[in-house]
Amino acid sequence: MIDAIATAPDDGAAAKPANAPRVLVLANQKGGVGKTTTAINLGTALAAIGERALIVDLDPQGNASTGLGIDRKMRIASTYDVLVGERTLSEVVVPTAVPRLFIAPSTMDLLGVELEIAGEADRSYKLKNALKAFFAHDAGAEGISYVLIDCPPSLNLLTINALAASDAVVVPLQCEFFALEGLSQLLKTVDQVRRALNPTLSIHGIVLTMFDPRNSFASQVVADVRAFMGEKVYDTVIPRNVRVSEAPSHGKPVLLYDLKCAGSQAYLKLASEVIQREGRWRAA
């Protein structure tokens, strides 16, 4: 898949300005690991501690959009329109109920985008070019410090666009038996994308999700992942929490649904840890 689309030239290879937003993609080829939940709640937590953040929903299911209260009937323009060149990102981005948090919503139209852009030379860089134009020309982009991209749990052209547009990958990893196997596959994918499309792409961190301290095997998974990946694993662990599971059905991130629950507090800690790592990156 990557070899087939690696011929597109990258006109955005120049170093980014120091004040440019950091673009992080939430990625895991395995479904059900808390990827969208992490995108929603990490974005909300970043906004809650003073950052301006944009979530780009590239998953045709649109769960990140739904989880932030963007009704499907109101999604007149979406990331599909951006990728096919019918709209600019500034025409698609809408505010959420969370102050300082914005979203570019998705629709099921994204299911057909691969066929529509497959023959275009810049097919792998549609999102990267759209983000570049947005931050260069749109006043509404001013002050946005983080872009979080939620992509589908598969290696298709949507995911390739997300990885090609990003500075680094945040990997949600469920504390379960096949965690390390899925992680190994993802690391190979990131390495392929780095070599073929985006030479500066890195692993920002691995966030362990759905942790149940009553399950001794979950603790073993945490230990194994930390032994395998070392400092790349965030200190923060997201617990399995019923309030986190309930919040999307109310169209709210868990921090708005129940700020005091364990899940909300964990995402606030994760946001602080992300910012700390960003400080080290900018100082490097």
C-alpha atoms as a PDB file:
ATOM      1  CA  MET A   1       0.000   0.000   0.000  1.00  0.00           C
ATOM      2  CA  ILE A   2       2.718   2.472   0.982  1.00  0.00           C
ATOM      3  CA  ASP A   3       4.940   1.537  -1.950  1.00  0.00           C
ATOM      4  CA  ALA A   4       2.052   2.178  -4.329  1.00  0.00           C
ATOM      5  CA  ILE A   5       1.550   5.760  -3.186  1.00  0.00           C
ATOM      6  CA  ALA A   6       5.089   6.802  -2.343  1.00  0.00           C
ATOM      7  CA  THR A   7       5.723   8.630  -5.608  1.00  0.00           C
ATOM      8  CA  ALA A   8       3.915  11.823  -4.593  1.00  0.00           C
ATOM      9  CA  PRO A   9       6.315  14.750  -4.155  1.00  0.00           C
ATOM     10  CA  ASP A  10       6.325  16.478  -0.790  1.00  0.00           C
ATOM     11  CA  ASP A  11       6.460  20.243  -1.178  1.00  0.00           C
ATOM     12  CA  GLY A  12       6.232  20.721   2.578  1.00  0.00           C
ATOM     13  CA  ALA A  13       9.533  19.223   3.610  1.00  0.00           C
ATOM     14  CA  ALA A  14      10.981  22.482   4.894  1.00  0.00           C
ATOM     15  CA  ALA A  15      11.431  22.897   8.639  1.00  0.00           C
ATOM     16  CA  LYS A  16       8.358  24.120  10.456  1.00  0.00           C
ATOM     17  CA  PRO A  17       8.375  27.500  12.217  1.00  0.00           C
ATOM     18  CA  ALA A  18       9.011  27.331  15.969  1.00  0.00           C
ATOM     19  CA  ASN A  19       5.477  28.548  16.699  1.00  0.00           C
ATOM     20  CA  ALA A  20       3.795  26.098  14.317  1.00  0.00           C
ATOM     21  CA  PRO A  21       1.169  23.806  15.845  1.00  0.00           C
ATOM     22  CA  ARG A  22       2.202  20.283  16.619  1.00  0.00           C
ATOM     23  CA  VAL A  23       0.270  17.713  14.606  1.00  0.00           C
ATOM     24  CA  LEU A  24      -0.272  14.416  16.413  1.00  0.00           C
ATOM     25  CA  VAL A  25      -2.059  11.429  14.909  1.00  0.00           C
ATOM     26  CA  LEU A  26      -3.912   8.950  17.111  1.00  0.00           C
ATOM     27  CA  ALA A  27      -3.167   5.660  15.395  1.00  0.00           C
ATOM     28  CA  ASN A  28      -3.469   1.947  15.918  1.00  0.00           C
ATOM     29  CA  GLN A  29      -4.252  -0.612  13.237  1.00  0.00           C
ATOM     30  CA  LYS A  30      -6.235  -2.571  15.827  1.00  0.00           C
ATOM     31  CA  GLY A  31      -9.770  -1.390  16.572  1.00  0.00           C
ATOM     32  CA  GLY A  32     -11.373  -0.997  19.988  1.00  0.00           C
ATOM     33  CA  VAL A  33      -8.269   0.257  21.778  1.00  0.00           C
ATOM     34  CA  GLY A  34      -9.615   3.658  22.825  1.00  0.00           C
ATOM     35  CA  LYS A  35      -8.200   5.646  19.929  1.00  0.00           C
ATOM     36  CA  THR A  36     -11.196   7.905  19.321  1.00  0.00           C
ATOM     37  CA  THR A  37     -11.915   8.185  23.032  1.00  0.00           C
ATOM     38  CA  THR A  38      -8.344   9.341  23.560  1.00  0.00           C
ATOM     39  CA  ALA A  39      -8.577  11.853  20.689  1.00  0.00           C
ATOM     40  CA  ILE A  40     -11.748  13.388  22.138  1.00  0.00           C
ATOM     41  CA  ASN A  41     -10.610  13.521  25.733  1.00  0.00           C
ATOM     42  CA  LEU A  42      -6.984  14.436  25.148  1.00  0.00           C
ATOM     43  CA  GLY A  43      -8.175  17.324  22.971  1.00  0.00           C
ATOM     44  CA  THR A  44     -10.618  18.381  25.669  1.00  0.00           C
ATOM     45  CA  ALA A  45      -7.979  18.116  28.389  1.00  0.00           C
ATOM     46  CA  LEU A  46      -5.511  20.195  26.362  1.00  0.00           C
ATOM     47  CA  ALA A  47      -8.202  22.851  25.929  1.00  0.00           C
ATOM     48  CA  ALA A  48      -9.076  22.682  29.624  1.00  0.00           C
ATOM     49  CA  ILE A  49      -5.518  23.572  30.635  1.00  0.00           C
ATOM     50  CA  GLY A  50      -5.350  26.520  28.263  1.00  0.00           C
ATOM     51  CA  GLU A  51      -4.280  25.195  24.858  1.00  0.00           C
ATOM     52  CA  ARG A  52      -6.256  25.767  21.648  1.00  0.00           C
ATOM     53  CA  ALA A  53      -6.707  22.445  19.886  1.00  0.00           C
ATOM     54  CA  LEU A  54      -8.186  21.138  16.650  1.00  0.00           C
ATOM     55  CA  ILE A  55      -9.387  17.577  16.144  1.00  0.00           C
ATOM     56  CA  VAL A  56      -9.449  16.339  12.550  1.00  0.00           C
ATOM     57  CA  ASP A  57     -11.872  13.432  12.193  1.00  0.00           C
ATOM     58  CA  LEU A  58     -10.674  11.175   9.375  1.00  0.00           C
ATOM     59  CA  ASP A  59     -12.673   8.110  10.386  1.00  0.00           C
ATOM     60  CA  PRO A  60     -15.757   7.510   8.180  1.00  0.00           C
ATOM     61  CA  GLN A  61     -17.633   6.354  11.288  1.00  0.00           C
ATOM     62  CA  GLY A  62     -17.367   9.895  12.615  1.00  0.00           C
ATOM     63  CA  ASN A  63     -17.308   8.836  16.248  1.00  0.00           C
ATOM     64  CA  ALA A  64     -15.039  11.699  17.293  1.00  0.00           C
ATOM     65  CA  SER A  65     -17.524  14.145  15.781  1.00  0.00           C
ATOM     66  CA  THR A  66     -20.485  12.453  17.469  1.00  0.00           C
ATOM     67  CA  GLY A  67     -18.639  12.250  20.777  1.00  0.00           C
ATOM     68  CA  LEU A  68     -18.163  16.021  20.704  1.00  0.00           C
ATOM     69  CA  GLY A  69     -21.844  16.676  20.054  1.00  0.00           C
ATOM     70  CA  ILE A  70     -21.673  17.406  16.306  1.00  0.00           C
ATOM     71  CA  ASP A  71     -24.968  16.038  14.998  1.00  0.00           C
ATOM     72  CA  ARG A  72     -24.740  14.177  11.693  1.00  0.00           C
ATOM     73  CA  LYS A  73     -27.482  16.343  10.198  1.00  0.00           C
ATOM     74  CA  MET A  74     -25.357  19.435  10.856  1.00  0.00           C
ATOM     75  CA  ARG A  75     -22.283  18.126   9.025  1.00  0.00           C
ATOM     76  CA  ILE A  76     -22.880  20.037   5.810  1.00  0.00           C
ATOM     77  CA  ALA A  77     -19.148  20.110   5.096  1.00  0.00           C
ATOM     78  CA  SER A  78     -16.624  17.535   6.263  1.00  0.00           C
ATOM     79  CA  THR A  79     -13.070  16.294   5.929  1.00  0.00           C
ATOM     80  CA  TYR A  80     -14.216  14.452   2.805  1.00  0.00           C
ATOM     81  CA  ASP A  81     -14.763  17.804   1.091  1.00  0.00           C
ATOM     82  CA  VAL A  82     -11.266  18.890   2.129  1.00  0.00           C
ATOM     83  CA  LEU A  83      -9.564  15.778   0.756  1.00  0.00           C
ATOM     84  CA  VAL A  84     -11.333  15.959  -2.623  1.00  0.00           C
ATOM     85  CA  GLY A  85     -10.567  19.667  -2.902  1.00  0.00           C
ATOM     86  CA  GLU A  86     -14.130  20.995  -2.763  1.00  0.00           C
ATOM     87  CA  ARG A  87     -13.654  22.919   0.509  1.00  0.00           C
ATOM     88  CA  THR A  88     -10.796  24.428   2.452  1.00  0.00           C
ATOM     89  CA  LEU A  89     -10.209  23.327   6.013  1.00  0.00           C
ATOM     90  CA  SER A  90     -11.351  26.734   7.258  1.00  0.00           C
ATOM     91  CA  GLU A  91     -14.765  26.103   5.669  1.00  0.00           C
ATOM     92  CA  VAL A  92     -15.103  22.793   7.512  1.00  0.00           C
ATOM     93  CA  VAL A  93     -13.785  23.491  11.025  1.00  0.00           C
ATOM     94  CA  VAL A  94     -16.499  24.170  13.617  1.00  0.00           C
ATOM     95  CA  PRO A  95     -16.341  25.009  17.336  1.00  0.00           C
ATOM     96  CA  THR A  96     -17.369  22.445  19.942  1.00  0.00           C
ATOM     97  CA  ALA A  97     -19.056  22.885  23.305  1.00  0.00           C
ATOM     98  CA  VAL A  98     -15.574  22.852  24.823  1.00  0.00           C
ATOM     99  CA  PRO A  99     -13.965  26.313  24.866  1.00  0.00           C
ATOM    100  CA  ARG A 100     -10.767  26.431  22.762  1.00  0.00           C
ATOM    101  CA  LEU A 101     -11.530  23.063  21.112  1.00  0.00           C
ATOM    102  CA  PHE A 102     -12.492  22.831  17.431  1.00  0.00           C
ATOM    103  CA  ILE A 103     -13.214  19.931  15.101  1.00  0.00           C
ATOM    104  CA  ALA A 104     -13.208  19.175  11.402  1.00  0.00           C
ATOM    105  CA  PRO A 105     -16.016  16.588  11.348  1.00  0.00           C
ATOM    106  CA  SER A 106     -16.292  13.532   9.139  1.00  0.00           C
ATOM    107  CA  THR A 107     -19.091  11.823   7.242  1.00  0.00           C
ATOM    108  CA  MET A 108     -19.578   8.421   5.645  1.00  0.00           C
ATOM    109  CA  ASP A 109     -18.549  10.041   2.339  1.00  0.00           C
ATOM    110  CA  LEU A 110     -14.975   9.354   3.432  1.00  0.00           C
ATOM    111  CA  LEU A 111     -15.547   5.707   2.510  1.00  0.00           C
ATOM    112  CA  GLY A 112     -15.279   6.653  -1.154  1.00  0.00           C
ATOM    113  CA  VAL A 113     -12.473   9.174  -0.986  1.00  0.00           C
ATOM    114  CA  GLU A 114      -9.739   6.675  -1.812  1.00  0.00           C
ATOM    115  CA  LEU A 115     -11.203   5.954  -5.245  1.00  0.00           C
ATOM    116  CA  GLU A 116     -11.683   9.645  -5.946  1.00  0.00           C
ATOM    117  CA  ILE A 117      -8.132  10.781  -5.230  1.00  0.00           C
ATOM    118  CA  ALA A 118      -6.155   7.600  -5.998  1.00  0.00           C
ATOM    119  CA  GLY A 119      -5.026   8.892  -9.392  1.00  0.00           C
ATOM    120  CA  GLU A 120      -3.775  12.268  -8.157  1.00  0.00           C
ATOM    121  CA  ALA A 121      -0.058  12.915  -7.714  1.00  0.00           C
ATOM    122  CA  ASP A 122      -0.454  14.469  -4.256  1.00  0.00           C
ATOM    123  CA  ARG A 123      -2.922  11.869  -2.980  1.00  0.00           C
ATOM    124  CA  SER A 124      -0.794  11.096   0.092  1.00  0.00           C
ATOM    125  CA  TYR A 125      -0.452  14.771   1.037  1.00  0.00           C
ATOM    126  CA  LYS A 126      -4.007  16.083   0.695  1.00  0.00           C
ATOM    127  CA  LEU A 127      -4.395  16.613   4.425  1.00  0.00           C
ATOM    128  CA  LYS A 128      -0.879  17.952   4.920  1.00  0.00           C
ATOM    129  CA  ASN A 129      -1.404  20.565   2.209  1.00  0.00           C
ATOM    130  CA  ALA A 130      -4.816  21.501   3.622  1.00  0.00           C
ATOM    131  CA  LEU A 131      -3.354  22.006   7.108  1.00  0.00           C
ATOM    132  CA  LYS A 132      -0.486  24.032   5.693  1.00  0.00           C
ATOM    133  CA  ALA A 133      -2.902  26.353   3.867  1.00  0.00           C
ATOM    134  CA  PHE A 134      -5.160  26.623   6.925  1.00  0.00           C
ATOM    135  CA  PHE A 135      -2.398  27.751   9.250  1.00  0.00           C
ATOM    136  CA  ALA A 136      -0.836  30.027   6.659  1.00  0.00           C
ATOM    137  CA  HIS A 137      -3.941  31.935   5.578  1.00  0.00           C
ATOM    138  CA  ASP A 138      -6.889  31.518   7.968  1.00  0.00           C
ATOM    139  CA  ALA A 139      -7.326  33.871  10.925  1.00  0.00           C
ATOM    140  CA  GLY A 140      -9.366  31.214  12.731  1.00  0.00           C
ATOM    141  CA  ALA A 141      -6.265  29.050  12.984  1.00  0.00           C
ATOM    142  CA  GLU A 142      -4.423  31.632  15.061  1.00  0.00           C
ATOM    143  CA  GLY A 143      -3.390  30.334  18.459  1.00  0.00           C
ATOM    144  CA  ILE A 144      -4.098  26.670  17.757  1.00  0.00           C
ATOM    145  CA  SER A 145      -1.170  24.808  19.271  1.00  0.00           C
ATOM    146  CA  TYR A 146      -2.222  21.189  18.786  1.00  0.00           C
ATOM    147  CA  VAL A 147      -3.870  19.276  15.968  1.00  0.00           C
ATOM    148  CA  LEU A 148      -5.059  15.759  16.819  1.00  0.00           C
ATOM    149  CA  ILE A 149      -5.976  13.487  13.904  1.00  0.00           C
ATOM    150  CA  ASP A 150      -8.318  10.566  14.494  1.00  0.00           C
ATOM    151  CA  CYS A 151      -7.999   8.024  11.691  1.00  0.00           C
ATOM    152  CA  PRO A 152      -9.595   4.628  10.989  1.00  0.00           C
ATOM    153  CA  PRO A 153      -8.096   1.427  12.445  1.00  0.00           C
ATOM    154  CA  SER A 154      -6.663   0.303   9.103  1.00  0.00           C
ATOM    155  CA  LEU A 155      -3.813   1.136   6.765  1.00  0.00           C
ATOM    156  CA  ASN A 156      -5.672   2.885   3.946  1.00  0.00           C
ATOM    157  CA  LEU A 157      -5.208   6.196   2.146  1.00  0.00           C
ATOM    158  CA  LEU A 158      -6.933   8.078   4.978  1.00  0.00           C
ATOM    159  CA  THR A 159      -4.423   6.751   7.487  1.00  0.00           C
ATOM    160  CA  ILE A 160      -1.563   7.432   5.079  1.00  0.00           C
ATOM    161  CA  ASN A 161      -2.726  11.058   4.773  1.00  0.00           C
ATOM    162  CA  ALA A 162      -2.857  11.342   8.557  1.00  0.00           C
ATOM    163  CA  LEU A 163       0.639   9.910   9.034  1.00  0.00           C
ATOM    164  CA  ALA A 164       2.085  12.009   6.208  1.00  0.00           C
ATOM    165  CA  ALA A 165       0.618  15.180   7.757  1.00  0.00           C
ATOM    166  CA  SER A 166       1.773  14.526  11.311  1.00  0.00           C
ATOM    167  CA  ASP A 167       4.820  15.322  13.378  1.00  0.00           C
ATOM    168  CA  ALA A 168       4.383  12.345  15.674  1.00  0.00           C
ATOM    169  CA  VAL A 169       2.167   9.389  16.548  1.00  0.00           C
ATOM    170  CA  VAL A 170       0.284   8.886  19.801  1.00  0.00           C
ATOM    171  CA  VAL A 171      -0.478   5.176  20.141  1.00  0.00           C
ATOM    172  CA  PRO A 172      -3.429   4.147  22.335  1.00  0.00           C
ATOM    173  CA  LEU A 173      -2.798   0.571  23.458  1.00  0.00           C
ATOM    174  CA  GLN A 174      -5.354  -1.526  25.285  1.00  0.00           C
ATOM    175  CA  CYS A 175      -4.066  -3.573  28.199  1.00  0.00           C
ATOM    176  CA  GLU A 176      -4.856  -6.960  26.683  1.00  0.00           C
ATOM    177  CA  PHE A 177      -3.181 -10.125  25.445  1.00  0.00           C
ATOM    178  CA  PHE A 178      -2.447  -9.058  21.855  1.00  0.00           C
ATOM    179  CA  ALA A 179      -1.196  -5.563  22.766  1.00  0.00           C
ATOM    180  CA  LEU A 180       2.481  -6.102  21.929  1.00  0.00           C
ATOM    181  CA  GLU A 181       1.669  -7.901  18.692  1.00  0.00           C
ATOM    182  CA  GLY A 182      -0.435  -4.967  17.498  1.00  0.00           C
ATOM    183  CA  LEU A 183       2.223  -2.506  18.637  1.00  0.00           C
ATOM    184  CA  SER A 184       4.897  -4.304  16.638  1.00  0.00           C
ATOM    185  CA  GLN A 185       2.780  -4.063  13.492  1.00  0.00           C
ATOM    186  CA  LEU A 186       2.184  -0.356  14.028  1.00  0.00           C
ATOM    187  CA  LEU A 187       5.874   0.371  14.580  1.00  0.00           C
ATOM    188  CA  LYS A 188       6.653  -1.306  11.251  1.00  0.00           C
ATOM    189  CA  THR A 189       4.011   0.858   9.555  1.00  0.00           C
ATOM    190  CA  VAL A 190       5.418   4.047  11.079  1.00  0.00           C
ATOM    191  CA  ASP A 191       8.892   3.056   9.916  1.00  0.00           C
ATOM    192  CA  GLN A 192       7.603   2.462   6.371  1.00  0.00           C
ATOM    193  CA  VAL A 193       5.848   5.836   6.309  1.00  0.00           C
ATOM    194  CA  ARG A 194       8.955   7.553   7.654  1.00  0.00           C
ATOM    195  CA  ARG A 195      11.091   6.085   4.879  1.00  0.00           C
ATOM    196  CA  ALA A 196       8.580   6.604   2.074  1.00  0.00           C
ATOM    197  CA  LEU A 197       6.575   9.719   2.883  1.00  0.00           C
ATOM    198  CA  ASN A 198       7.432  11.600   6.061  1.00  0.00           C
ATOM    199  CA  PRO A 199      11.078  11.425   7.200  1.00  0.00           C
ATOM    200  CA  THR A 200      10.470  13.397  10.419  1.00  0.00           C
ATOM    201  CA  LEU A 201       7.619  11.206  11.715  1.00  0.00           C
ATOM    202  CA  SER A 202       8.255   9.837  15.199  1.00  0.00           C
ATOM    203  CA  ILE A 203       6.500   8.023  18.016  1.00  0.00           C
ATOM    204  CA  HIS A 204       5.393  10.689  20.495  1.00  0.00           C
ATOM    205  CA  GLY A 205       4.247   8.176  23.070  1.00  0.00           C
ATOM    206  CA  ILE A 206       2.223   5.107  23.881  1.00  0.00           C
ATOM    207  CA  VAL A 207      -0.771   5.535  26.152  1.00  0.00           C
ATOM    208  CA  LEU A 208      -2.035   2.432  27.919  1.00  0.00           C
ATOM    209  CA  THR A 209      -5.837   2.371  27.981  1.00  0.00           C
ATOM    210  CA  MET A 210      -8.689   0.433  29.600  1.00  0.00           C
ATOM    211  CA  PHE A 211      -6.499  -0.619  32.493  1.00  0.00           C
ATOM    212  CA  ASP A 212      -8.258  -2.665  35.178  1.00  0.00           C
ATOM    213  CA  PRO A 213      -6.107  -2.947  38.320  1.00  0.00           C
ATOM    214  CA  ARG A 214      -8.164  -5.945  39.454  1.00  0.00           C
ATOM    215  CA  ASN A 215      -6.846  -7.899  36.460  1.00  0.00           C
ATOM    216  CA  SER A 216      -3.354  -9.203  37.170  1.00  0.00           C
ATOM    217  CA  PHE A 217      -2.799  -9.887  33.474  1.00  0.00           C
ATOM    218  CA  ALA A 218      -3.417  -6.200  32.668  1.00  0.00           C
ATOM    219  CA  SER A 219      -0.607  -5.303  35.062  1.00  0.00           C
ATOM    220  CA  GLN A 220       1.647  -7.764  33.284  1.00  0.00           C
ATOM    221  CA  VAL A 221       0.833  -6.145  29.931  1.00  0.00           C
ATOM    222  CA  VAL A 222       1.758  -2.743  31.355  1.00  0.00           C
ATOM    223  CA  ALA A 223       5.083  -4.131  32.589  1.00  0.00           C
ATOM    224  CA  ASP A 224       5.805  -5.839  29.259  1.00  0.00           C
ATOM    225  CA  VAL A 225       5.050  -2.725  27.194  1.00  0.00           C
ATOM    226  CA  ARG A 226       7.213  -0.564  29.455  1.00  0.00           C
ATOM    227  CA  ALA A 227      10.051  -3.083  29.207  1.00  0.00           C
ATOM    228  CA  PHE A 228       9.715  -3.174  25.409  1.00  0.00           C
ATOM    229  CA  MET A 229       9.287   0.564  24.721  1.00  0.00           C
ATOM    230  CA  GLY A 230      10.877   2.234  27.741  1.00  0.00           C
ATOM    231  CA  GLU A 231      10.449   6.008  27.958  1.00  0.00           C
ATOM    232  CA  LYS A 232       8.146   6.053  24.923  1.00  0.00           C
ATOM    233  CA  VAL A 233       5.341   4.852  27.224  1.00  0.00           C
ATOM    234  CA  TYR A 234       3.545   7.688  29.009  1.00  0.00           C
ATOM    235  CA  ASP A 235       3.534   7.506  32.788  1.00  0.00           C
ATOM    236  CA  THR A 236      -0.217   8.119  32.747  1.00  0.00           C
ATOM    237  CA  VAL A 237      -2.417   5.036  32.402  1.00  0.00           C
ATOM    238  CA  ILE A 238      -6.075   5.434  31.422  1.00  0.00           C
ATOM    239  CA  PRO A 239      -8.265   3.249  33.653  1.00  0.00           C
ATOM    240  CA  ARG A 240     -11.268   1.275  32.529  1.00  0.00           C
ATOM    241  CA  ASN A 241     -14.033   3.607  33.679  1.00  0.00           C
ATOM    242  CA  VAL A 242     -17.781   3.452  33.124  1.00  0.00           C
ATOM    243  CA  ARG A 243     -18.110   7.236  32.941  1.00  0.00           C
ATOM    244  CA  VAL A 244     -15.662   7.311  30.008  1.00  0.00           C
ATOM    245  CA  SER A 245     -17.840   4.737  28.231  1.00  0.00           C
ATOM    246  CA  GLU A 246     -21.074   6.602  28.942  1.00  0.00           C
ATOM    247  CA  ALA A 247     -19.966  10.083  27.893  1.00  0.00           C
ATOM    248  CA  PRO A 248     -20.084   9.649  24.056  1.00  0.00           C
ATOM    249  CA  SER A 249     -23.751   8.646  24.162  1.00  0.00           C
ATOM    250  CA  HIS A 250     -24.430  12.105  25.615  1.00  0.00           C
ATOM    251  CA  GLY A 251     -22.348  13.832  22.935  1.00  0.00           C
ATOM    252  CA  LYS A 252     -19.815  14.949  25.514  1.00  0.00           C
ATOM    253  CA  PRO A 253     -16.188  14.262  26.369  1.00  0.00           C
ATOM    254  CA  VAL A 254     -15.869  12.682  29.780  1.00  0.00           C
ATOM    255  CA  LEU A 255     -14.385  15.889  31.244  1.00  0.00           C
ATOM    256  CA  LEU A 256     -17.710  17.634  30.616  1.00  0.00           C
ATOM    257  CA  TYR A 257     -19.761  14.612  31.599  1.00  0.00           C
ATOM    258  CA  ASP A 258     -18.010  13.935  34.916  1.00  0.00           C
ATOM    259  CA  LEU A 259     -14.905  15.972  35.665  1.00  0.00           C
ATOM    260  CA  LYS A 260     -14.181  14.235  38.952  1.00  0.00           C
ATOM    261  CA  CYS A 261     -14.210  10.642  37.689  1.00  0.00           C
ATOM    262  CA  ALA A 262     -10.992   8.666  37.386  1.00  0.00           C
ATOM    263  CA  GLY A 263     -11.062   8.774  33.584  1.00  0.00           C
ATOM    264  CA  SER A 264     -11.262  12.569  33.447  1.00  0.00           C
ATOM    265  CA  GLN A 265      -8.425  12.981  35.895  1.00  0.00           C
ATOM    266  CA  ALA A 266      -6.288  10.551  33.910  1.00  0.00           C
ATOM    267  CA  TYR A 267      -6.793  12.473  30.662  1.00  0.00           C
ATOM    268  CA  LEU A 268      -5.867  15.734  32.384  1.00  0.00           C
ATOM    269  CA  LYS A 269      -2.644  14.109  33.561  1.00  0.00           C
ATOM    270  CA  LEU A 270      -2.005  12.768  30.068  1.00  0.00           C
ATOM    271  CA  ALA A 271      -2.461  16.248  28.558  1.00  0.00           C
ATOM    272  CA  SER A 272       0.065  17.667  31.012  1.00  0.00           C
ATOM    273  CA  GLU A 273       2.494  14.894  30.136  1.00  0.00           C
ATOM    274  CA  VAL A 274       2.068  15.539  26.407  1.00  0.00           C
ATOM    275  CA  ILE A 275       2.858  19.228  26.931  1.00  0.00           C
ATOM    276  CA  GLN A 276       5.927  18.342  29.009  1.00  0.00           C
ATOM    277  CA  ARG A 277       7.223  16.132  26.199  1.00  0.00           C
ATOM    278  CA  GLU A 278       6.524  18.914  23.710  1.00  0.00           C
ATOM    279  CA  GLY A 279       8.625  21.268  25.801  1.00  0.00           C
ATOM    280  CA  ARG A 280      11.541  18.874  25.535  1.00  0.00           C
ATOM    281  CA  TRP A 281      10.986  18.537  21.777  1.00  0.00           C
ATOM    282  CA  ARG A 282      10.949  22.303  21.194  1.00  0.00           C
ATOM    283  CA  ALA A 283      14.066  22.760  23.304  1.00  0.00           C
ATOM    284  CA  ALA A 284      15.964  20.089  21.361  1.00  0.00           C
END
